[in-house]
N, C-alpha and C. Protein backbone atom coordinates (compact mmCIF):
# COMPACT_ATOMS: atom_id res chain seq x y z
N MET A 1 -9.01 19.22 25.73
CA MET A 1 -8.44 17.83 25.41
C MET A 1 -7.29 17.97 25.57
N SER A 2 -6.88 16.66 26.21
CA SER A 2 -5.35 16.70 25.78
C SER A 2 -4.78 15.15 25.88
N THR A 3 -3.52 14.71 24.67
CA THR A 3 -2.72 13.92 24.99
C THR A 3 -1.50 13.85 25.51
N ASN A 4 -1.19 13.52 26.15
CA ASN A 4 0.21 13.33 26.43
C ASN A 4 0.60 14.58 27.58
N GLY A 5 -0.10 14.83 27.95
CA GLY A 5 0.02 15.60 29.22
C GLY A 5 -0.16 17.19 28.56
N ARG A 6 -0.32 16.80 27.09
CA ARG A 6 -0.39 18.55 26.48
C ARG A 6 -2.02 18.94 26.26
N THR A 7 -2.24 19.89 26.28
CA THR A 7 -3.54 20.48 25.26
C THR A 7 -3.26 20.06 24.18
N GLN A 8 -4.51 19.70 23.25
CA GLN A 8 -4.52 18.91 22.15
C GLN A 8 -5.75 20.18 21.23
N THR A 9 -4.80 20.46 20.12
CA THR A 9 -5.63 21.56 19.08
C THR A 9 -6.45 21.22 18.46
N HIS A 10 -7.57 21.51 18.22
CA HIS A 10 -8.66 21.20 17.19
C HIS A 10 -8.02 21.27 15.40
N LEU A 11 -8.38 19.89 14.67
CA LEU A 11 -8.54 20.46 13.64
C LEU A 11 -9.22 21.36 13.19
N VAL A 12 -8.58 22.31 12.15
CA VAL A 12 -9.68 23.27 11.69
C VAL A 12 -9.91 22.86 10.64
N SER A 13 -11.52 23.07 10.27
CA SER A 13 -12.08 22.89 8.82
C SER A 13 -12.81 23.71 8.70
N PHE A 14 -13.68 24.25 7.69
CA PHE A 14 -13.91 25.45 7.30
C PHE A 14 -14.75 25.08 5.60
N TYR A 15 -15.52 25.88 5.82
CA TYR A 15 -16.67 26.16 4.08
C TYR A 15 -16.54 27.40 3.56
N THR A 16 -16.75 27.34 2.01
CA THR A 16 -16.34 28.38 1.53
C THR A 16 -18.07 29.04 0.61
N PRO A 17 -18.46 29.91 0.35
CA PRO A 17 -19.58 30.40 -0.35
C PRO A 17 -19.27 29.69 -1.92
N GLY A 18 -18.23 28.92 -1.90
CA GLY A 18 -18.58 28.14 -3.15
C GLY A 18 -18.02 26.52 -3.21
N ILE A 19 -17.62 26.18 -1.40
CA ILE A 19 -17.05 24.70 -1.49
C ILE A 19 -18.54 24.55 0.04
N SER A 20 -19.75 24.13 -0.28
CA SER A 20 -20.57 23.86 0.57
C SER A 20 -20.19 22.81 1.86
N ILE A 21 -19.20 21.50 1.31
CA ILE A 21 -19.18 20.51 2.24
C ILE A 21 -17.67 21.16 3.12
N GLU A 22 -17.70 20.54 4.08
CA GLU A 22 -16.41 21.03 4.95
C GLU A 22 -15.26 20.08 4.22
N VAL A 23 -14.25 20.89 4.73
CA VAL A 23 -13.27 20.74 4.24
C VAL A 23 -11.79 21.40 5.21
N ALA A 24 -10.70 20.89 4.52
CA ALA A 24 -9.69 21.42 5.76
C ALA A 24 -8.05 22.01 4.98
N LEU A 25 -7.26 22.60 5.38
CA LEU A 25 -6.11 22.82 4.78
C LEU A 25 -4.77 22.08 5.38
N HIS A 26 -3.94 22.05 4.04
CA HIS A 26 -3.25 20.28 4.32
C HIS A 26 -1.94 20.78 3.55
N ARG A 27 -0.45 20.78 4.77
CA ARG A 27 0.55 21.22 3.80
C ARG A 27 1.70 19.90 3.66
N ARG A 28 1.97 20.11 2.08
CA ARG A 28 3.32 19.13 2.47
C ARG A 28 4.23 19.45 1.33
N CYS A 29 5.45 20.03 2.36
CA CYS A 29 6.69 20.40 1.96
C CYS A 29 6.13 21.74 1.54
N ASN A 30 6.61 22.52 0.36
CA ASN A 30 6.21 24.04 0.17
C ASN A 30 4.94 23.59 -0.71
N ARG A 31 4.11 22.83 -0.31
CA ARG A 31 2.55 22.74 -1.27
C ARG A 31 1.40 22.58 -0.43
N TRP A 32 0.86 23.56 -1.02
CA TRP A 32 -0.59 23.31 -0.41
C TRP A 32 -1.71 23.27 -0.99
N TYR A 33 -2.95 22.38 0.26
CA TYR A 33 -4.46 21.90 -0.65
C TYR A 33 -5.20 21.92 0.22
N ILE A 34 -6.96 22.03 -0.22
CA ILE A 34 -7.58 21.21 0.36
C ILE A 34 -7.80 20.45 0.16
N VAL A 35 -8.14 19.69 1.34
CA VAL A 35 -8.83 18.44 1.82
C VAL A 35 -9.84 18.03 2.57
N LEU A 36 -10.15 16.33 1.92
CA LEU A 36 -11.71 16.37 3.12
C LEU A 36 -11.29 15.91 4.16
N PRO A 37 -11.50 16.53 5.74
CA PRO A 37 -11.46 15.65 6.89
C PRO A 37 -12.66 15.05 7.02
N ARG A 38 -13.20 14.54 6.03
CA ARG A 38 -14.51 13.47 6.78
C ARG A 38 -14.09 12.31 5.65
N ALA A 39 -14.84 10.99 6.07
CA ALA A 39 -15.25 9.87 5.24
C ALA A 39 -16.61 10.17 3.60
N TYR A 40 -16.13 10.89 2.95
CA TYR A 40 -17.59 10.91 2.48
C TYR A 40 -16.99 10.05 1.39
N GLY A 41 -18.03 9.00 1.37
CA GLY A 41 -18.38 7.85 0.69
C GLY A 41 -18.48 7.61 -0.75
N MET A 42 -18.55 8.58 -1.05
CA MET A 42 -18.49 8.66 -2.95
C MET A 42 -17.10 8.79 -3.15
N LEU A 43 -16.18 8.90 -2.43
CA LEU A 43 -15.60 9.83 -2.83
C LEU A 43 -14.08 8.56 -2.94
N ASN A 44 -14.53 7.38 -2.38
CA ASN A 44 -13.66 5.82 -2.10
C ASN A 44 -11.91 6.36 -1.69
N GLY A 45 -12.41 7.12 -0.45
CA GLY A 45 -10.58 7.35 0.13
C GLY A 45 -10.23 8.66 -0.56
N TRP A 46 -10.41 9.04 -1.74
CA TRP A 46 -9.92 10.55 -2.14
C TRP A 46 -10.08 11.14 -1.17
N LYS A 47 -8.55 11.84 -0.86
CA LYS A 47 -8.99 13.17 -0.01
C LYS A 47 -8.10 14.55 -0.67
N LEU A 48 -7.97 14.59 -1.51
CA LEU A 48 -7.56 15.48 -1.79
C LEU A 48 -9.05 16.82 -3.17
N PHE A 49 -9.20 17.53 -2.21
CA PHE A 49 -10.32 18.31 -3.14
C PHE A 49 -9.90 19.07 -3.85
N SER A 50 -8.41 19.70 -3.88
CA SER A 50 -8.28 20.61 -4.70
C SER A 50 -6.34 21.35 -4.47
N PRO A 51 -5.74 21.03 -5.44
CA PRO A 51 -4.11 22.09 -5.16
C PRO A 51 -4.62 23.36 -4.89
N LEU A 52 -3.69 24.04 -4.34
CA LEU A 52 -3.54 25.91 -3.65
C LEU A 52 -2.44 26.21 -4.33
N SER A 53 -1.55 25.33 -5.27
CA SER A 53 -0.31 25.57 -4.82
C SER A 53 0.56 25.19 -6.32
N GLU A 54 1.07 25.80 -6.75
CA GLU A 54 1.90 25.30 -7.86
C GLU A 54 3.17 25.97 -7.85
N PRO A 55 3.96 25.77 -7.03
CA PRO A 55 5.40 26.35 -6.72
C PRO A 55 6.62 25.96 -7.76
N GLN A 56 7.24 27.46 -8.36
CA GLN A 56 8.23 27.63 -9.18
C GLN A 56 9.40 26.96 -8.52
N ALA A 57 10.48 26.47 -9.45
CA ALA A 57 11.92 26.60 -8.62
C ALA A 57 12.15 27.34 -7.51
N SER A 58 11.90 29.03 -8.22
CA SER A 58 12.24 29.76 -7.30
C SER A 58 11.61 30.07 -5.27
N ASP A 59 10.52 29.13 -5.49
CA ASP A 59 9.39 28.85 -4.20
C ASP A 59 10.03 27.74 -3.24
N LEU A 60 11.37 28.26 -2.86
CA LEU A 60 11.91 26.76 -2.10
C LEU A 60 10.94 26.70 -0.69
N SER A 61 10.77 28.09 0.47
CA SER A 61 9.99 27.58 1.20
C SER A 61 8.64 28.43 1.03
N THR A 62 8.00 27.99 2.36
CA THR A 62 6.73 28.93 2.44
C THR A 62 7.34 29.19 4.22
N ALA A 63 7.95 29.18 5.01
CA ALA A 63 8.17 29.46 5.67
C ALA A 63 7.77 31.16 5.95
N PRO A 64 7.28 31.37 7.45
CA PRO A 64 6.94 32.43 7.35
C PRO A 64 8.23 33.78 7.54
N PRO A 65 8.19 35.07 6.80
CA PRO A 65 9.27 35.92 6.91
C PRO A 65 9.61 36.54 8.25
N LYS A 66 9.12 36.17 9.16
CA LYS A 66 8.77 36.78 10.52
C LYS A 66 8.44 36.35 11.26
N GLN A 67 8.76 36.40 12.74
CA GLN A 67 8.75 35.73 13.80
C GLN A 67 7.00 35.96 13.98
N ASN A 68 6.75 36.52 13.61
CA ASN A 68 4.75 36.58 14.24
C ASN A 68 4.21 36.55 12.66
N LEU A 69 4.51 35.61 11.53
CA LEU A 69 3.84 35.84 10.86
C LEU A 69 3.65 34.40 10.43
N HIS A 70 2.93 33.68 9.63
CA HIS A 70 2.19 32.31 9.58
C HIS A 70 2.88 32.03 8.28
N HIS A 71 2.98 31.36 7.49
CA HIS A 71 3.02 30.83 6.22
C HIS A 71 2.31 31.59 5.42
N ARG A 72 3.53 31.43 4.31
CA ARG A 72 2.55 32.47 2.59
C ARG A 72 3.30 31.32 1.59
N PHE A 73 2.10 31.28 1.19
CA PHE A 73 2.46 30.79 -0.73
C PHE A 73 1.65 31.45 -1.70
N TRP A 74 2.22 30.95 -2.90
CA TRP A 74 1.74 32.07 -4.33
C TRP A 74 0.29 30.86 -4.36
N LEU A 75 -1.02 31.29 -4.11
CA LEU A 75 -2.33 30.68 -4.79
C LEU A 75 -2.35 30.53 -6.53
N HIS A 76 -2.91 29.24 -6.43
CA HIS A 76 -2.92 29.18 -7.90
C HIS A 76 -4.13 28.93 -8.28
N GLU A 77 -5.32 29.83 -8.54
CA GLU A 77 -6.68 29.58 -8.77
C GLU A 77 -6.94 28.61 -9.81
N CYS A 78 -8.81 28.08 -9.87
CA CYS A 78 -8.55 27.54 -10.39
C CYS A 78 -9.96 27.69 -10.51
N ASP A 79 -10.92 27.02 -11.23
CA ASP A 79 -12.71 27.28 -11.61
C ASP A 79 -13.12 26.59 -10.23
N ILE A 80 -12.61 25.82 -9.06
CA ILE A 80 -13.59 25.51 -8.19
C ILE A 80 -13.05 26.18 -6.70
N VAL A 81 -11.39 27.12 -6.82
CA VAL A 81 -11.20 27.89 -6.00
C VAL A 81 -10.81 28.92 -6.11
N THR A 82 -10.98 30.05 -5.44
CA THR A 82 -10.87 31.41 -5.77
C THR A 82 -10.33 32.13 -4.92
N LEU A 83 -9.37 33.06 -4.94
CA LEU A 83 -9.05 33.69 -3.63
C LEU A 83 -10.19 34.19 -3.21
N LYS A 84 -11.09 34.95 -4.02
CA LYS A 84 -12.14 35.98 -3.71
C LYS A 84 -12.96 34.55 -2.50
N ASP A 85 -13.11 33.64 -3.08
CA ASP A 85 -14.26 32.35 -2.22
C ASP A 85 -13.20 32.17 -0.98
N LEU A 86 -11.95 31.56 -0.83
CA LEU A 86 -10.93 31.55 0.27
C LEU A 86 -11.25 32.74 0.89
N LEU A 87 -11.00 33.97 0.65
CA LEU A 87 -11.07 35.06 1.97
C LEU A 87 -12.60 35.13 2.56
N ALA A 88 -13.58 34.54 2.27
CA ALA A 88 -14.69 34.79 2.41
C ALA A 88 -15.25 32.80 3.60
N ALA A 89 -13.83 32.50 3.53
CA ALA A 89 -14.01 30.99 4.49
C ALA A 89 -14.78 31.51 5.92
N THR A 90 -15.29 30.21 6.55
CA THR A 90 -16.15 30.16 7.56
C THR A 90 -15.12 28.92 8.37
N PRO A 91 -14.46 28.85 9.32
CA PRO A 91 -14.29 30.20 9.88
C PRO A 91 -12.81 31.41 8.50
N PRO A 92 -12.03 32.31 9.23
CA PRO A 92 -11.01 32.73 8.32
C PRO A 92 -10.14 32.34 8.72
N ILE A 93 -9.60 31.26 6.91
CA ILE A 93 -8.41 30.27 7.08
C ILE A 93 -6.91 31.13 6.26
N LEU A 94 -7.41 32.82 5.34
CA LEU A 94 -6.64 33.01 4.90
C LEU A 94 -6.32 34.47 4.74
N LYS A 95 -5.63 35.34 4.50
CA LYS A 95 -5.20 36.72 4.10
C LYS A 95 -4.45 36.84 2.46
N ALA A 96 -5.27 37.69 2.22
CA ALA A 96 -4.41 38.55 0.77
C ALA A 96 -3.10 39.29 1.36
N THR A 97 -1.86 39.23 0.67
CA THR A 97 -0.83 40.16 1.74
C THR A 97 -0.72 41.37 0.44
N GLY A 98 -1.21 41.50 -0.08
CA GLY A 98 -1.24 42.41 -1.40
C GLY A 98 -0.22 42.11 -2.50
N THR A 99 0.80 41.26 -2.54
CA THR A 99 1.48 41.31 -3.31
C THR A 99 0.73 39.88 -4.54
N THR A 100 1.26 40.04 -5.78
CA THR A 100 1.22 39.24 -6.71
C THR A 100 2.14 39.09 -7.57
N ARG A 101 1.95 37.98 -8.67
CA ARG A 101 3.14 38.13 -9.57
C ARG A 101 2.93 36.78 -10.71
N ARG A 102 3.38 37.38 -12.15
CA ARG A 102 2.75 36.46 -13.11
C ARG A 102 4.20 35.39 -13.19
N VAL A 103 3.23 34.07 -13.64
CA VAL A 103 4.11 32.77 -14.08
C VAL A 103 3.65 32.19 -15.06
N LYS A 104 4.56 31.67 -15.69
CA LYS A 104 4.08 30.67 -17.03
C LYS A 104 3.25 29.71 -16.64
N VAL A 105 2.41 29.15 -17.11
CA VAL A 105 1.90 27.72 -16.58
C VAL A 105 1.38 26.96 -17.75
N ALA A 106 1.77 26.09 -18.21
CA ALA A 106 1.67 25.43 -19.89
C ALA A 106 2.06 26.19 -20.77
N ASP A 107 1.03 26.80 -21.35
CA ASP A 107 1.42 27.58 -22.50
C ASP A 107 0.89 29.39 -22.22
N GLU A 108 0.09 29.46 -21.09
CA GLU A 108 0.22 30.60 -20.60
C GLU A 108 0.50 31.52 -19.65
N GLU A 109 0.24 32.58 -19.37
CA GLU A 109 1.05 32.78 -18.31
C GLU A 109 -0.27 33.69 -17.50
N ILE A 110 -0.11 33.52 -15.85
CA ILE A 110 -1.04 33.46 -14.75
C ILE A 110 -0.94 34.75 -14.14
N GLU A 111 -1.79 35.43 -13.37
CA GLU A 111 -1.07 35.61 -12.07
C GLU A 111 -1.62 35.00 -10.97
N GLU A 112 -0.57 35.21 -9.94
CA GLU A 112 -0.94 34.89 -8.59
C GLU A 112 -0.73 35.13 -7.81
N ALA A 113 -2.08 35.37 -6.50
CA ALA A 113 -1.69 36.38 -5.44
C ALA A 113 -1.29 35.59 -4.25
N GLN A 114 -0.31 36.05 -3.55
CA GLN A 114 0.57 35.75 -2.47
C GLN A 114 -0.79 35.89 -1.40
N VAL A 115 -0.89 34.88 -0.17
CA VAL A 115 -1.60 34.69 0.35
C VAL A 115 -0.56 34.31 1.84
N GLU A 116 -1.21 34.58 3.30
CA GLU A 116 -0.88 34.21 4.35
C GLU A 116 -2.02 33.27 4.87
N VAL A 117 -1.16 32.22 5.57
CA VAL A 117 -2.16 31.28 6.39
C VAL A 117 -2.58 31.76 7.60
N LEU A 118 -3.91 32.02 7.55
CA LEU A 118 -3.98 32.20 9.32
C LEU A 118 -4.13 31.09 10.23
N LEU A 119 -3.56 29.90 10.34
CA LEU A 119 -3.60 28.54 10.67
C LEU A 119 -2.16 28.63 11.54
N ASP A 120 -1.87 28.02 12.45
CA ASP A 120 -0.54 26.98 12.41
C ASP A 120 -1.18 25.65 12.31
N GLU A 121 0.38 25.35 12.48
CA GLU A 121 0.80 24.37 11.52
C GLU A 121 -0.17 22.98 12.57
N ASP A 122 0.05 22.82 13.53
CA ASP A 122 -1.31 22.17 14.72
C ASP A 122 -2.36 22.18 14.11
N GLN A 123 -3.24 22.70 13.89
CA GLN A 123 -4.48 23.49 13.29
C GLN A 123 -4.67 22.71 11.72
N LEU A 124 -3.75 22.33 10.78
CA LEU A 124 -3.71 21.54 9.60
C LEU A 124 -4.14 20.32 9.94
N CYS A 125 -5.15 19.87 8.36
CA CYS A 125 -5.33 18.22 8.42
C CYS A 125 -4.20 17.38 8.02
N GLN A 126 -3.20 16.47 9.10
CA GLN A 126 -2.18 15.88 8.94
C GLN A 126 -2.31 14.73 8.79
N ARG A 127 -0.98 13.97 7.88
CA ARG A 127 -1.15 12.45 7.74
C ARG A 127 -0.11 11.92 8.30
N CYS A 128 -1.09 10.36 8.75
CA CYS A 128 0.58 9.67 9.25
C CYS A 128 1.68 9.24 8.74
N ALA A 129 2.84 9.84 9.01
CA ALA A 129 3.98 9.69 8.06
C ALA A 129 4.53 7.68 8.41
N TYR A 130 4.03 7.22 9.17
CA TYR A 130 4.02 5.94 9.40
C TYR A 130 3.21 5.26 8.49
N CYS A 131 1.86 5.06 9.03
CA CYS A 131 0.85 4.50 8.12
C CYS A 131 0.18 5.09 6.85
N GLY A 132 0.39 6.38 6.85
CA GLY A 132 -0.34 7.09 5.78
C GLY A 132 -1.82 7.17 6.14
N CYS A 133 -2.34 6.98 7.09
CA CYS A 133 -3.75 7.34 7.36
C CYS A 133 -4.03 9.07 7.92
N TRP A 134 -4.92 9.44 7.33
CA TRP A 134 -5.13 10.70 6.96
C TRP A 134 -6.12 10.90 8.79
N GLU A 135 -5.78 12.09 9.29
CA GLU A 135 -6.65 12.48 10.18
C GLU A 135 -8.16 12.95 9.58
N TYR A 136 -9.01 12.87 10.65
CA TYR A 136 -10.31 12.99 10.57
C TYR A 136 -10.86 14.46 11.26
N SER A 137 -12.30 15.19 11.32
CA SER A 137 -12.46 16.22 11.85
C SER A 137 -13.89 16.10 12.79
N TYR A 138 -14.12 14.86 13.09
CA TYR A 138 -15.36 14.35 13.57
C TYR A 138 -14.84 14.54 15.25
N ALA A 139 -15.65 14.87 15.66
CA ALA A 139 -15.97 15.56 17.15
C ALA A 139 -15.35 14.44 17.84
N GLY A 140 -14.58 14.21 18.74
CA GLY A 140 -13.94 13.20 20.02
C GLY A 140 -12.49 12.48 19.06
N GLU A 141 -12.38 12.96 17.63
CA GLU A 141 -10.98 12.50 17.04
C GLU A 141 -10.06 13.15 17.95
N THR A 142 -9.10 12.02 17.81
CA THR A 142 -7.75 12.29 18.79
C THR A 142 -6.68 12.47 17.45
N ARG A 143 -6.51 14.02 17.78
CA ARG A 143 -5.41 14.21 16.52
C ARG A 143 -3.80 13.90 16.78
N TYR A 144 -3.22 13.63 15.60
CA TYR A 144 -2.10 12.71 15.60
C TYR A 144 -0.92 13.53 16.36
N GLU A 145 0.29 12.94 16.42
CA GLU A 145 1.44 13.36 17.45
C GLU A 145 2.43 13.76 16.63
N LYS A 146 2.88 14.87 16.80
CA LYS A 146 4.01 15.60 16.36
C LYS A 146 4.84 14.80 16.62
N VAL A 147 5.82 13.75 16.25
CA VAL A 147 7.24 13.11 16.26
C VAL A 147 8.82 13.92 15.95
N ALA A 148 8.84 14.56 15.24
CA ALA A 148 9.65 14.94 14.80
C ALA A 148 9.53 16.48 13.84
N GLN A 149 10.68 16.51 13.50
CA GLN A 149 10.70 17.80 12.84
C GLN A 149 11.63 17.26 11.69
N GLU A 150 11.41 18.05 10.42
CA GLU A 150 12.39 17.50 8.90
C GLU A 150 12.25 18.97 8.77
N GLY A 151 12.97 20.26 9.26
CA GLY A 151 13.37 21.33 8.07
C GLY A 151 12.08 21.73 8.38
N GLU A 152 11.10 22.60 7.75
CA GLU A 152 10.03 22.75 8.26
C GLU A 152 8.88 22.42 8.30
N ASP A 153 8.80 20.88 7.96
CA ASP A 153 7.78 19.50 7.88
C ASP A 153 7.83 19.01 9.31
N GLY A 154 6.55 19.05 10.03
CA GLY A 154 6.48 18.25 11.16
C GLY A 154 5.89 17.22 10.67
N ILE A 155 6.56 16.01 11.26
CA ILE A 155 6.69 14.49 11.21
C ILE A 155 5.20 14.16 12.21
N TYR A 156 4.39 13.67 11.47
CA TYR A 156 3.26 13.53 12.87
C TYR A 156 2.64 11.45 12.44
N TRP A 157 2.51 11.18 13.39
CA TRP A 157 1.75 10.09 13.59
C TRP A 157 0.19 9.70 14.23
N CYS A 158 -0.53 8.82 13.81
CA CYS A 158 -1.38 8.66 14.14
C CYS A 158 -1.36 7.69 15.53
N GLY A 159 -2.45 7.70 16.15
CA GLY A 159 -2.53 7.47 17.52
C GLY A 159 -2.19 5.91 17.84
N HIS A 160 -2.68 4.91 16.70
CA HIS A 160 -2.06 3.69 16.44
C HIS A 160 -0.70 3.36 16.44
N CYS A 161 0.07 4.24 15.48
CA CYS A 161 1.39 4.07 15.34
C CYS A 161 2.55 4.67 16.48
N TYR A 162 1.63 5.70 17.01
CA TYR A 162 2.28 6.63 18.09
C TYR A 162 2.63 5.31 19.35
N ARG A 163 1.77 4.74 19.59
CA ARG A 163 1.11 3.61 20.61
C ARG A 163 2.04 2.54 20.60
N ALA A 164 1.99 2.31 19.64
CA ALA A 164 3.20 1.01 19.03
C ALA A 164 4.61 1.30 18.67
N ALA A 165 5.25 2.63 18.40
CA ALA A 165 6.21 2.90 18.37
C ALA A 165 7.63 2.04 18.73
N GLY A 166 7.25 1.76 19.74
CA GLY A 166 8.97 0.58 20.01
C GLY A 166 8.65 -0.67 19.47
N PHE A 167 7.66 -0.86 18.85
CA PHE A 167 7.89 -2.04 17.61
C PHE A 167 7.59 -1.56 16.07
N LEU A 168 7.55 -0.80 15.98
CA LEU A 168 7.39 -0.34 14.65
C LEU A 168 8.80 0.26 14.01
N ASN A 169 9.67 -0.23 12.70
CA ASN A 169 10.84 0.49 12.53
C ASN A 169 10.40 1.45 11.43
N PRO A 170 11.38 2.22 11.41
CA PRO A 170 10.77 4.01 11.58
C PRO A 170 11.55 3.74 10.07
N ASN A 171 12.58 2.64 9.54
CA ASN A 171 12.73 2.88 8.19
C ASN A 171 11.91 2.25 7.14
N SER A 172 10.96 1.23 7.97
CA SER A 172 9.45 0.89 6.81
C SER A 172 8.75 1.60 6.70
N ALA A 173 8.98 3.07 7.11
CA ALA A 173 7.61 3.83 7.20
C ALA A 173 7.68 4.44 5.54
N TRP A 174 6.49 4.75 4.72
CA TRP A 174 6.10 4.91 3.56
C TRP A 174 6.67 6.46 3.58
N TRP A 175 6.66 7.47 4.23
CA TRP A 175 6.69 8.97 4.04
C TRP A 175 8.52 8.71 4.13
N LYS A 176 9.16 8.72 3.45
CA LYS A 176 11.10 9.00 3.37
C LYS A 176 10.93 10.74 3.02
N ASN A 177 11.02 10.44 1.57
CA ASN A 177 11.09 12.26 1.06
C ASN A 177 9.50 12.30 0.55
N PRO A 178 8.60 12.75 1.10
CA PRO A 178 7.15 13.59 0.37
C PRO A 178 7.04 14.03 -0.59
N SER A 179 8.04 14.65 -0.89
CA SER A 179 7.84 15.63 -1.87
C SER A 179 7.96 14.91 -3.28
N LYS A 180 8.69 13.86 -3.06
CA LYS A 180 8.84 12.67 -4.23
C LYS A 180 7.49 11.89 -4.56
N VAL A 181 6.76 12.07 -3.58
CA VAL A 181 5.69 11.07 -4.06
C VAL A 181 4.43 11.98 -4.50
N THR A 182 4.03 11.50 -6.21
CA THR A 182 2.79 12.25 -6.88
C THR A 182 1.66 12.54 -6.21
N ASP A 183 1.06 13.16 -6.50
CA ASP A 183 -0.27 13.88 -5.51
C ASP A 183 -1.05 12.40 -5.66
N SER A 184 -1.23 11.70 -6.54
CA SER A 184 -2.36 10.52 -7.00
C SER A 184 -1.80 9.33 -5.83
N ALA A 185 -0.15 9.46 -5.64
CA ALA A 185 -0.25 8.27 -4.73
C ALA A 185 -0.85 8.87 -3.22
N TYR A 186 -0.36 10.19 -2.93
CA TYR A 186 -0.40 10.35 -1.84
C TYR A 186 -1.87 10.74 -1.04
N PHE A 187 -2.52 11.38 -2.14
CA PHE A 187 -3.80 11.56 -1.48
C PHE A 187 -4.80 10.19 -1.87
N GLN A 188 -4.69 9.12 -2.01
CA GLN A 188 -5.08 8.32 -1.83
C GLN A 188 -5.40 7.96 -0.18
N TYR A 189 -6.74 7.32 0.48
CA TYR A 189 -6.82 7.32 1.72
C TYR A 189 -5.03 6.12 2.36
N LYS A 190 -4.47 5.26 1.77
CA LYS A 190 -3.49 4.66 2.63
C LYS A 190 -3.26 3.83 1.38
N MET A 191 -1.58 4.44 1.23
CA MET A 191 -0.70 3.80 0.64
C MET A 191 -1.41 2.56 -0.01
N GLY A 192 -0.92 1.79 -0.77
CA GLY A 192 -1.42 0.67 -1.34
C GLY A 192 -3.12 0.10 -1.29
N ASN A 193 -3.52 0.83 -1.02
CA ASN A 193 -5.27 0.86 -1.18
C ASN A 193 -5.45 1.37 -2.56
């Protein structure tokens, strides 16, 4: 499939032994998440399945350390997401780097494993930076267009906003600084809904 003369990469969704519904990876600044790439009606538009990282002040970037590697982050395990489960994902999405660290979270110290993401940015589930709509993994869905790059973060627009770009005011886009938006606001289907 192609858009604007470019071949379109498909959104990679996955399952794990512990997650029996289709999910996908999403990155917002230096934070990683498992999101729901389908409209599961019982969730009332909520897209977040689970956060995967809780960056520390020293975690300024998840950028690859070398040209031929992918993004890396420190996995913050929880009851529904474990390293063992994610390493067994179909298709493979992460690999352990073999490095761990101890961090203080609330009143306890926990161990986090560093993982390398096996997917490229254009294989992650994206959110339209103009209107806030999420991508879906249904067959035949058109992928969002990367319209800009801000540091490590690609800026994506959905097809409707991309086609109407000449009429839209970029200053009214909801995503001015995604790191400042709370998870509860960010992961609603659309801002204001």
